[in-house]
């Protein structure tokens, strides 16, 4: 029997509202992906994985949406049709292999635009890229927690990190990141499927573009596995969550370095205080 999908079309009034809606749904429901347009967002969920009760709990009383059942789609084709290069100043460009090479940037990353999160289009990913622009990776050991497409790990590798570990709990993301790592000739990157930050090794820099709950749950591990004066860069945080994140980080002896904001999203950088 052909698999069917739930297509939910939401009315939105701004790109900020669209981003917050996508973040809320992604955090609670296993979606195949989203499609954004002028005044709307469409969410695609496998009919077998759609939980109406969970969905209704997520919706605000004034939410405007319609639901329909559709046949399977070529999800990669949908992404390819809407995927445009992302350029961060003269620092980094992210493009698909069907785009022309982008000149006058320090680093160029070529990815296959599948459904994994982290193409650079979302505010959280672009904020992470901008933050990395302010740091040196040469000779450092870098862990990318929630790697998605592998973009941040690949960038760290291109910035001459000594060792890079890319971690994700999603099979699709691991497969996609593996393809993208090979495409960008970043052989020093190791992939690990895991749903929490792994124990054992120490790192000079930890990158985590995930969601608030995952960040809070792993803050202790981030601290334990960073070297003294190591850097933690996190995103996936909304403006209203800043105080909670900073309070927990401070209790773990992290010093706030920089806070970047785009729309209602934050990217926060911390330094681990040296301990004896």
C-alpha atoms as a PDB file:
ATOM      1  CA  UNK A   1       0.000   0.000   0.000  1.00  0.00           C
ATOM      2  CA  UNK A   2       1.335   3.439  -0.916  1.00  0.00           C
ATOM      3  CA  UNK A   3       2.228   5.562   2.087  1.00  0.00           C
ATOM      4  CA  UNK A   4       0.080   8.640   2.567  1.00  0.00           C
ATOM      5  CA  UNK A   5       0.875  11.941   4.243  1.00  0.00           C
ATOM      6  CA  UNK A   6      -0.944  14.576   6.216  1.00  0.00           C
ATOM      7  CA  UNK A   7      -0.538  18.017   4.641  1.00  0.00           C
ATOM      8  CA  UNK A   8      -1.329  20.863   7.038  1.00  0.00           C
ATOM      9  CA  UNK A   9      -1.480  24.352   5.557  1.00  0.00           C
ATOM     10  CA  UNK A  10      -1.144  27.211   8.057  1.00  0.00           C
ATOM     11  CA  UNK A  11      -1.918  30.862   7.482  1.00  0.00           C
ATOM     12  CA  UNK A  12       0.969  33.055   8.751  1.00  0.00           C
ATOM     13  CA  UNK A  13       1.378  36.814   8.875  1.00  0.00           C
ATOM     14  CA  UNK A  14       5.187  37.074   8.955  1.00  0.00           C
ATOM     15  CA  UNK A  15       8.392  35.111   8.431  1.00  0.00           C
ATOM     16  CA  UNK A  16       8.977  35.289  12.195  1.00  0.00           C
ATOM     17  CA  UNK A  17       5.624  33.641  12.869  1.00  0.00           C
ATOM     18  CA  UNK A  18       6.457  30.984  10.251  1.00  0.00           C
ATOM     19  CA  UNK A  19       9.823  30.225  11.897  1.00  0.00           C
ATOM     20  CA  UNK A  20       8.314  29.920  15.363  1.00  0.00           C
ATOM     21  CA  UNK A  21       5.583  27.632  14.038  1.00  0.00           C
ATOM     22  CA  UNK A  22       8.115  25.394  12.308  1.00  0.00           C
ATOM     23  CA  UNK A  23      10.256  25.258  15.452  1.00  0.00           C
ATOM     24  CA  UNK A  24       7.281  24.313  17.643  1.00  0.00           C
ATOM     25  CA  UNK A  25       6.119  21.567  15.286  1.00  0.00           C
ATOM     26  CA  UNK A  26       9.636  20.190  14.719  1.00  0.00           C
ATOM     27  CA  UNK A  27      10.176  19.895  18.450  1.00  0.00           C
ATOM     28  CA  UNK A  28       7.036  17.831  19.066  1.00  0.00           C
ATOM     29  CA  UNK A  29       6.155  15.982  15.848  1.00  0.00           C
ATOM     30  CA  UNK A  30       8.254  13.892  13.456  1.00  0.00           C
ATOM     31  CA  UNK A  31       7.709  15.733  10.177  1.00  0.00           C
ATOM     32  CA  UNK A  32       8.938  14.965   6.668  1.00  0.00           C
ATOM     33  CA  UNK A  33       9.508  18.667   6.045  1.00  0.00           C
ATOM     34  CA  UNK A  34       8.007  22.090   5.481  1.00  0.00           C
ATOM     35  CA  UNK A  35       7.211  24.285   2.521  1.00  0.00           C
ATOM     36  CA  UNK A  36       7.081  28.057   2.983  1.00  0.00           C
ATOM     37  CA  UNK A  37       5.384  30.605   0.745  1.00  0.00           C
ATOM     38  CA  UNK A  38       3.828  34.048   0.845  1.00  0.00           C
ATOM     39  CA  UNK A  39       1.441  33.967   3.801  1.00  0.00           C
ATOM     40  CA  UNK A  40       1.547  30.224   4.385  1.00  0.00           C
ATOM     41  CA  UNK A  41       3.518  27.274   5.751  1.00  0.00           C
ATOM     42  CA  UNK A  42       2.809  23.671   4.814  1.00  0.00           C
ATOM     43  CA  UNK A  43       3.843  20.822   7.097  1.00  0.00           C
ATOM     44  CA  UNK A  44       4.103  17.242   5.843  1.00  0.00           C
ATOM     45  CA  UNK A  45       3.691  14.343   8.283  1.00  0.00           C
ATOM     46  CA  UNK A  46       3.503  10.637   7.565  1.00  0.00           C
ATOM     47  CA  UNK A  47      -0.062   9.504   8.173  1.00  0.00           C
ATOM     48  CA  UNK A  48       1.285   6.614  10.241  1.00  0.00           C
ATOM     49  CA  UNK A  49       3.141   9.039  12.558  1.00  0.00           C
ATOM     50  CA  UNK A  50       0.452  11.730  12.832  1.00  0.00           C
ATOM     51  CA  UNK A  51      -0.941  12.097  16.367  1.00  0.00           C
ATOM     52  CA  UNK A  52      -4.019  14.307  16.298  1.00  0.00           C
ATOM     53  CA  UNK A  53      -4.065  14.742  20.075  1.00  0.00           C
ATOM     54  CA  UNK A  54      -0.459  16.012  20.185  1.00  0.00           C
ATOM     55  CA  UNK A  55      -1.111  18.293  17.229  1.00  0.00           C
ATOM     56  CA  UNK A  56      -4.221  19.830  18.806  1.00  0.00           C
ATOM     57  CA  UNK A  57      -2.306  20.483  22.037  1.00  0.00           C
ATOM     58  CA  UNK A  58       0.285  22.461  20.074  1.00  0.00           C
ATOM     59  CA  UNK A  59      -2.185  24.737  18.337  1.00  0.00           C
ATOM     60  CA  UNK A  60      -3.150  28.149  19.654  1.00  0.00           C
ATOM     61  CA  UNK A  61      -6.904  29.000  19.798  1.00  0.00           C
ATOM     62  CA  UNK A  62      -6.503  31.526  16.982  1.00  0.00           C
ATOM     63  CA  UNK A  63      -4.450  29.233  14.690  1.00  0.00           C
ATOM     64  CA  UNK A  64      -5.756  29.107  11.126  1.00  0.00           C
ATOM     65  CA  UNK A  65      -5.024  25.934   9.195  1.00  0.00           C
ATOM     66  CA  UNK A  66      -6.492  23.241   6.964  1.00  0.00           C
ATOM     67  CA  UNK A  67      -5.659  19.519   6.858  1.00  0.00           C
ATOM     68  CA  UNK A  68      -5.691  17.156   3.899  1.00  0.00           C
ATOM     69  CA  UNK A  69      -4.377  13.680   3.086  1.00  0.00           C
ATOM     70  CA  UNK A  70      -2.025  13.396   0.100  1.00  0.00           C
ATOM     71  CA  UNK A  71      -0.031  10.682  -1.658  1.00  0.00           C
ATOM     72  CA  UNK A  72       3.733  10.314  -1.279  1.00  0.00           C
ATOM     73  CA  UNK A  73       5.826  13.102  -2.817  1.00  0.00           C
ATOM     74  CA  UNK A  74       9.342  13.422  -4.133  1.00  0.00           C
ATOM     75  CA  UNK A  75      10.575  15.329  -1.095  1.00  0.00           C
ATOM     76  CA  UNK A  76      14.052  15.927  -2.520  1.00  0.00           C
ATOM     77  CA  UNK A  77      12.568  17.470  -5.659  1.00  0.00           C
ATOM     78  CA  UNK A  78      10.551  19.877  -3.501  1.00  0.00           C
ATOM     79  CA  UNK A  79      13.734  20.942  -1.707  1.00  0.00           C
ATOM     80  CA  UNK A  80      15.725  21.306  -4.920  1.00  0.00           C
ATOM     81  CA  UNK A  81      13.079  23.506  -6.477  1.00  0.00           C
ATOM     82  CA  UNK A  82      13.182  25.954  -3.564  1.00  0.00           C
ATOM     83  CA  UNK A  83      16.839  25.750  -2.486  1.00  0.00           C
ATOM     84  CA  UNK A  84      18.884  28.900  -3.088  1.00  0.00           C
ATOM     85  CA  UNK A  85      22.537  29.518  -2.119  1.00  0.00           C
ATOM     86  CA  UNK A  86      23.252  31.042   1.291  1.00  0.00           C
ATOM     87  CA  UNK A  87      26.089  33.564   1.527  1.00  0.00           C
ATOM     88  CA  UNK A  88      27.458  34.972   4.806  1.00  0.00           C
ATOM     89  CA  UNK A  89      29.488  38.064   3.902  1.00  0.00           C
ATOM     90  CA  UNK A  90      32.760  37.022   2.246  1.00  0.00           C
ATOM     91  CA  UNK A  91      33.138  34.261   4.832  1.00  0.00           C
ATOM     92  CA  UNK A  92      31.155  31.243   3.645  1.00  0.00           C
ATOM     93  CA  UNK A  93      28.750  30.229   0.895  1.00  0.00           C
ATOM     94  CA  UNK A  94      26.494  27.175   0.960  1.00  0.00           C
ATOM     95  CA  UNK A  95      25.131  25.914  -2.337  1.00  0.00           C
ATOM     96  CA  UNK A  96      23.812  22.763  -3.981  1.00  0.00           C
ATOM     97  CA  UNK A  97      25.860  20.995  -6.619  1.00  0.00           C
ATOM     98  CA  UNK A  98      23.441  22.184  -9.319  1.00  0.00           C
ATOM     99  CA  UNK A  99      24.402  25.823  -8.574  1.00  0.00           C
ATOM    100  CA  UNK A 100      27.419  27.575 -10.067  1.00  0.00           C
ATOM    101  CA  UNK A 101      30.498  27.943  -7.888  1.00  0.00           C
ATOM    102  CA  UNK A 102      30.444  31.085  -5.715  1.00  0.00           C
ATOM    103  CA  UNK A 103      33.558  33.217  -5.816  1.00  0.00           C
ATOM    104  CA  UNK A 104      35.075  35.695  -3.351  1.00  0.00           C
ATOM    105  CA  UNK A 105      34.284  33.741  -0.186  1.00  0.00           C
ATOM    106  CA  UNK A 106      36.804  32.136   2.146  1.00  0.00           C
ATOM    107  CA  UNK A 107      34.903  28.840   2.308  1.00  0.00           C
ATOM    108  CA  UNK A 108      32.433  27.214  -0.058  1.00  0.00           C
ATOM    109  CA  UNK A 109      30.282  24.278   1.048  1.00  0.00           C
ATOM    110  CA  UNK A 110      28.364  22.111  -1.416  1.00  0.00           C
ATOM    111  CA  UNK A 111      25.469  20.096  -0.007  1.00  0.00           C
ATOM    112  CA  UNK A 112      22.709  17.825  -1.228  1.00  0.00           C
ATOM    113  CA  UNK A 113      19.561  19.654  -0.096  1.00  0.00           C
ATOM    114  CA  UNK A 114      17.664  16.794   1.468  1.00  0.00           C
ATOM    115  CA  UNK A 115      15.274  17.066   4.400  1.00  0.00           C
ATOM    116  CA  UNK A 116      17.910  17.344   7.123  1.00  0.00           C
ATOM    117  CA  UNK A 117      17.883  20.594   9.092  1.00  0.00           C
ATOM    118  CA  UNK A 118      20.758  22.993   8.577  1.00  0.00           C
ATOM    119  CA  UNK A 119      20.991  24.377   5.054  1.00  0.00           C
ATOM    120  CA  UNK A 120      21.824  27.862   6.311  1.00  0.00           C
ATOM    121  CA  UNK A 121      18.448  29.336   5.437  1.00  0.00           C
ATOM    122  CA  UNK A 122      16.997  29.164   8.919  1.00  0.00           C
ATOM    123  CA  UNK A 123      17.959  32.022  11.236  1.00  0.00           C
ATOM    124  CA  UNK A 124      19.531  29.664  13.775  1.00  0.00           C
ATOM    125  CA  UNK A 125      21.929  28.112  11.255  1.00  0.00           C
ATOM    126  CA  UNK A 126      22.953  31.423   9.721  1.00  0.00           C
ATOM    127  CA  UNK A 127      23.566  32.788  13.237  1.00  0.00           C
ATOM    128  CA  UNK A 128      25.830  29.817  13.984  1.00  0.00           C
ATOM    129  CA  UNK A 129      27.748  30.446  10.755  1.00  0.00           C
ATOM    130  CA  UNK A 130      28.153  34.123  11.660  1.00  0.00           C
ATOM    131  CA  UNK A 131      29.425  33.155  15.117  1.00  0.00           C
ATOM    132  CA  UNK A 132      32.015  30.788  13.659  1.00  0.00           C
ATOM    133  CA  UNK A 133      33.265  33.704  11.584  1.00  0.00           C
ATOM    134  CA  UNK A 134      34.491  35.240  14.854  1.00  0.00           C
ATOM    135  CA  UNK A 135      36.442  32.172  15.993  1.00  0.00           C
ATOM    136  CA  UNK A 136      39.528  30.279  14.883  1.00  0.00           C
ATOM    137  CA  UNK A 137      39.268  26.503  14.481  1.00  0.00           C
ATOM    138  CA  UNK A 138      42.855  25.820  13.412  1.00  0.00           C
ATOM    139  CA  UNK A 139      44.299  22.986  15.500  1.00  0.00           C
ATOM    140  CA  UNK A 140      41.170  22.697  17.649  1.00  0.00           C
ATOM    141  CA  UNK A 141      38.977  19.721  18.458  1.00  0.00           C
ATOM    142  CA  UNK A 142      35.377  20.561  17.538  1.00  0.00           C
ATOM    143  CA  UNK A 143      32.133  18.681  18.275  1.00  0.00           C
ATOM    144  CA  UNK A 144      28.942  19.523  16.350  1.00  0.00           C
ATOM    145  CA  UNK A 145      25.925  18.273  18.314  1.00  0.00           C
ATOM    146  CA  UNK A 146      22.771  17.996  16.189  1.00  0.00           C
ATOM    147  CA  UNK A 147      24.704  18.184  12.936  1.00  0.00           C
ATOM    148  CA  UNK A 148      21.760  17.856  10.531  1.00  0.00           C
ATOM    149  CA  UNK A 149      23.217  18.317   7.047  1.00  0.00           C
ATOM    150  CA  UNK A 150      26.716  18.504   8.551  1.00  0.00           C
ATOM    151  CA  UNK A 151      27.226  22.110   7.455  1.00  0.00           C
ATOM    152  CA  UNK A 152      28.772  23.355  10.715  1.00  0.00           C
ATOM    153  CA  UNK A 153      31.045  20.319  11.037  1.00  0.00           C
ATOM    154  CA  UNK A 154      32.140  20.722   7.419  1.00  0.00           C
ATOM    155  CA  UNK A 155      32.885  24.413   7.968  1.00  0.00           C
ATOM    156  CA  UNK A 156      34.959  23.594  11.066  1.00  0.00           C
ATOM    157  CA  UNK A 157      36.867  21.037   9.010  1.00  0.00           C
ATOM    158  CA  UNK A 158      37.518  23.552   6.243  1.00  0.00           C
ATOM    159  CA  UNK A 159      38.703  26.012   8.924  1.00  0.00           C
ATOM    160  CA  UNK A 160      41.515  23.540   9.731  1.00  0.00           C
ATOM    161  CA  UNK A 161      40.162  21.995  12.904  1.00  0.00           C
ATOM    162  CA  UNK A 162      42.396  19.163  14.080  1.00  0.00           C
ATOM    163  CA  UNK A 163      39.464  16.817  14.755  1.00  0.00           C
ATOM    164  CA  UNK A 164      35.699  17.114  14.168  1.00  0.00           C
ATOM    165  CA  UNK A 165      32.910  14.943  15.564  1.00  0.00           C
ATOM    166  CA  UNK A 166      29.428  15.341  14.010  1.00  0.00           C
ATOM    167  CA  UNK A 167      26.594  13.952  16.157  1.00  0.00           C
ATOM    168  CA  UNK A 168      22.910  13.411  15.367  1.00  0.00           C
ATOM    169  CA  UNK A 169      20.150  11.038  16.491  1.00  0.00           C
ATOM    170  CA  UNK A 170      18.314  10.968  13.153  1.00  0.00           C
ATOM    171  CA  UNK A 171      19.100   8.303  10.532  1.00  0.00           C
ATOM    172  CA  UNK A 172      18.256  10.637   7.663  1.00  0.00           C
ATOM    173  CA  UNK A 173      20.595  13.313   9.010  1.00  0.00           C
ATOM    174  CA  UNK A 174      23.451  10.839   9.485  1.00  0.00           C
ATOM    175  CA  UNK A 175      23.020   9.619   5.903  1.00  0.00           C
ATOM    176  CA  UNK A 176      22.790  13.140   4.496  1.00  0.00           C
ATOM    177  CA  UNK A 177      25.715  14.447   6.556  1.00  0.00           C
ATOM    178  CA  UNK A 178      27.825  11.515   5.398  1.00  0.00           C
ATOM    179  CA  UNK A 179      27.099  12.355   1.752  1.00  0.00           C
ATOM    180  CA  UNK A 180      27.873  16.035   2.299  1.00  0.00           C
ATOM    181  CA  UNK A 181      31.106  15.320   4.189  1.00  0.00           C
ATOM    182  CA  UNK A 182      32.295  13.131   1.317  1.00  0.00           C
ATOM    183  CA  UNK A 183      31.210  15.721  -1.253  1.00  0.00           C
ATOM    184  CA  UNK A 184      33.285  18.390   0.522  1.00  0.00           C
ATOM    185  CA  UNK A 185      36.306  16.105   0.974  1.00  0.00           C
ATOM    186  CA  UNK A 186      36.353  16.473   4.772  1.00  0.00           C
ATOM    187  CA  UNK A 187      37.827  13.127   5.728  1.00  0.00           C
ATOM    188  CA  UNK A 188      38.768  14.254   9.254  1.00  0.00           C
ATOM    189  CA  UNK A 189      35.093  14.405  10.320  1.00  0.00           C
ATOM    190  CA  UNK A 190      33.736  11.434  12.252  1.00  0.00           C
ATOM    191  CA  UNK A 191      29.979  10.781  12.401  1.00  0.00           C
ATOM    192  CA  UNK A 192      28.213   9.437  15.467  1.00  0.00           C
ATOM    193  CA  UNK A 193      24.537   8.547  15.902  1.00  0.00           C
ATOM    194  CA  UNK A 194      23.585   9.532  19.455  1.00  0.00           C
ATOM    195  CA  UNK A 195      20.709  11.388  21.156  1.00  0.00           C
ATOM    196  CA  UNK A 196      22.832  12.898  23.952  1.00  0.00           C
ATOM    197  CA  UNK A 197      26.289  14.413  24.091  1.00  0.00           C
ATOM    198  CA  UNK A 198      28.831  11.559  24.204  1.00  0.00           C
ATOM    199  CA  UNK A 199      31.090  11.018  27.186  1.00  0.00           C
ATOM    200  CA  UNK A 200      34.825  10.511  27.069  1.00  0.00           C
ATOM    201  CA  UNK A 201      36.651  12.981  24.849  1.00  0.00           C
ATOM    202  CA  UNK A 202      37.374  16.616  25.651  1.00  0.00           C
ATOM    203  CA  UNK A 203      36.782  19.376  23.111  1.00  0.00           C
ATOM    204  CA  UNK A 204      38.011  22.909  22.487  1.00  0.00           C
ATOM    205  CA  UNK A 205      34.724  23.941  20.888  1.00  0.00           C
ATOM    206  CA  UNK A 206      31.191  22.549  21.042  1.00  0.00           C
ATOM    207  CA  UNK A 207      28.536  23.641  18.539  1.00  0.00           C
ATOM    208  CA  UNK A 208      24.872  22.875  19.297  1.00  0.00           C
ATOM    209  CA  UNK A 209      22.139  24.134  16.991  1.00  0.00           C
ATOM    210  CA  UNK A 210      19.289  22.164  18.524  1.00  0.00           C
ATOM    211  CA  UNK A 211      16.270  23.141  20.655  1.00  0.00           C
ATOM    212  CA  UNK A 212      15.920  24.576  24.141  1.00  0.00           C
ATOM    213  CA  UNK A 213      15.092  21.286  25.864  1.00  0.00           C
ATOM    214  CA  UNK A 214      18.070  19.485  24.353  1.00  0.00           C
ATOM    215  CA  UNK A 215      20.405  22.345  25.270  1.00  0.00           C
ATOM    216  CA  UNK A 216      19.215  22.418  28.879  1.00  0.00           C
ATOM    217  CA  UNK A 217      19.418  18.620  29.190  1.00  0.00           C
ATOM    218  CA  UNK A 218      23.002  18.555  27.895  1.00  0.00           C
ATOM    219  CA  UNK A 219      24.462  21.683  29.545  1.00  0.00           C
ATOM    220  CA  UNK A 220      26.199  19.625  32.236  1.00  0.00           C
ATOM    221  CA  UNK A 221      27.783  17.367  29.593  1.00  0.00           C
ATOM    222  CA  UNK A 222      28.860  20.372  27.530  1.00  0.00           C
ATOM    223  CA  UNK A 223      30.703  21.716  30.566  1.00  0.00           C
ATOM    224  CA  UNK A 224      32.255  18.372  31.504  1.00  0.00           C
ATOM    225  CA  UNK A 225      33.569  17.754  27.998  1.00  0.00           C
ATOM    226  CA  UNK A 226      34.972  21.190  27.197  1.00  0.00           C
ATOM    227  CA  UNK A 227      38.597  21.989  27.919  1.00  0.00           C
ATOM    228  CA  UNK A 228      39.316  24.989  30.142  1.00  0.00           C
ATOM    229  CA  UNK A 229      38.680  28.207  28.204  1.00  0.00           C
ATOM    230  CA  UNK A 230      36.788  26.131  25.620  1.00  0.00           C
ATOM    231  CA  UNK A 231      34.000  27.717  23.568  1.00  0.00           C
ATOM    232  CA  UNK A 232      30.328  26.679  23.559  1.00  0.00           C
ATOM    233  CA  UNK A 233      28.143  28.096  20.760  1.00  0.00           C
ATOM    234  CA  UNK A 234      24.438  27.289  20.919  1.00  0.00           C
ATOM    235  CA  UNK A 235      21.345  28.245  18.950  1.00  0.00           C
ATOM    236  CA  UNK A 236      17.732  27.151  18.607  1.00  0.00           C
ATOM    237  CA  UNK A 237      16.873  29.492  21.487  1.00  0.00           C
ATOM    238  CA  UNK A 238      14.049  32.019  21.434  1.00  0.00           C
ATOM    239  CA  UNK A 239      14.466  35.494  22.919  1.00  0.00           C
ATOM    240  CA  UNK A 240      12.129  34.676  25.817  1.00  0.00           C
ATOM    241  CA  UNK A 241      14.345  31.729  26.818  1.00  0.00           C
ATOM    242  CA  UNK A 242      17.536  33.768  27.200  1.00  0.00           C
ATOM    243  CA  UNK A 243      17.407  34.226  30.975  1.00  0.00           C
ATOM    244  CA  UNK A 244      16.822  30.516  31.610  1.00  0.00           C
ATOM    245  CA  UNK A 245      19.748  29.517  29.399  1.00  0.00           C
ATOM    246  CA  UNK A 246      22.112  32.133  30.840  1.00  0.00           C
ATOM    247  CA  UNK A 247      21.183  31.199  34.399  1.00  0.00           C
ATOM    248  CA  UNK A 248      21.915  27.513  33.842  1.00  0.00           C
ATOM    249  CA  UNK A 249      25.106  28.292  31.923  1.00  0.00           C
ATOM    250  CA  UNK A 250      26.311  30.555  34.718  1.00  0.00           C
ATOM    251  CA  UNK A 251      25.660  27.831  37.296  1.00  0.00           C
ATOM    252  CA  UNK A 252      27.966  25.589  35.236  1.00  0.00           C
ATOM    253  CA  UNK A 253      30.752  28.233  35.252  1.00  0.00           C
ATOM    254  CA  UNK A 254      30.177  29.438  31.698  1.00  0.00           C
ATOM    255  CA  UNK A 255      30.859  33.091  30.948  1.00  0.00           C
ATOM    256  CA  UNK A 256      28.632  34.731  28.334  1.00  0.00           C
ATOM    257  CA  UNK A 257      30.695  36.078  25.420  1.00  0.00           C
ATOM    258  CA  UNK A 258      28.291  37.204  22.714  1.00  0.00           C
ATOM    259  CA  UNK A 259      24.573  37.042  22.003  1.00  0.00           C
ATOM    260  CA  UNK A 260      23.395  37.388  18.405  1.00  0.00           C
ATOM    261  CA  UNK A 261      19.775  37.807  17.395  1.00  0.00           C
ATOM    262  CA  UNK A 262      17.853  37.357  14.155  1.00  0.00           C
ATOM    263  CA  UNK A 263      14.085  37.774  14.224  1.00  0.00           C
ATOM    264  CA  UNK A 264      13.203  36.173  17.573  1.00  0.00           C
ATOM    265  CA  UNK A 265      16.064  33.635  17.516  1.00  0.00           C
ATOM    266  CA  UNK A 266      19.285  33.818  19.525  1.00  0.00           C
ATOM    267  CA  UNK A 267      22.755  32.379  19.113  1.00  0.00           C
ATOM    268  CA  UNK A 268      24.800  32.489  22.318  1.00  0.00           C
ATOM    269  CA  UNK A 269      28.537  31.982  22.783  1.00  0.00           C
ATOM    270  CA  UNK A 270      30.079  31.030  26.128  1.00  0.00           C
ATOM    271  CA  UNK A 271      33.573  30.418  27.476  1.00  0.00           C
ATOM    272  CA  UNK A 272      34.197  27.746  30.092  1.00  0.00           C
ATOM    273  CA  UNK A 273      36.001  29.261  33.061  1.00  0.00           C
ATOM    274  CA  UNK A 274      39.371  27.710  33.781  1.00  0.00           C
ATOM    275  CA  UNK A 275      39.353  25.377  36.777  1.00  0.00           C
ATOM    276  CA  UNK A 276      42.245  23.849  38.640  1.00  0.00           C
END
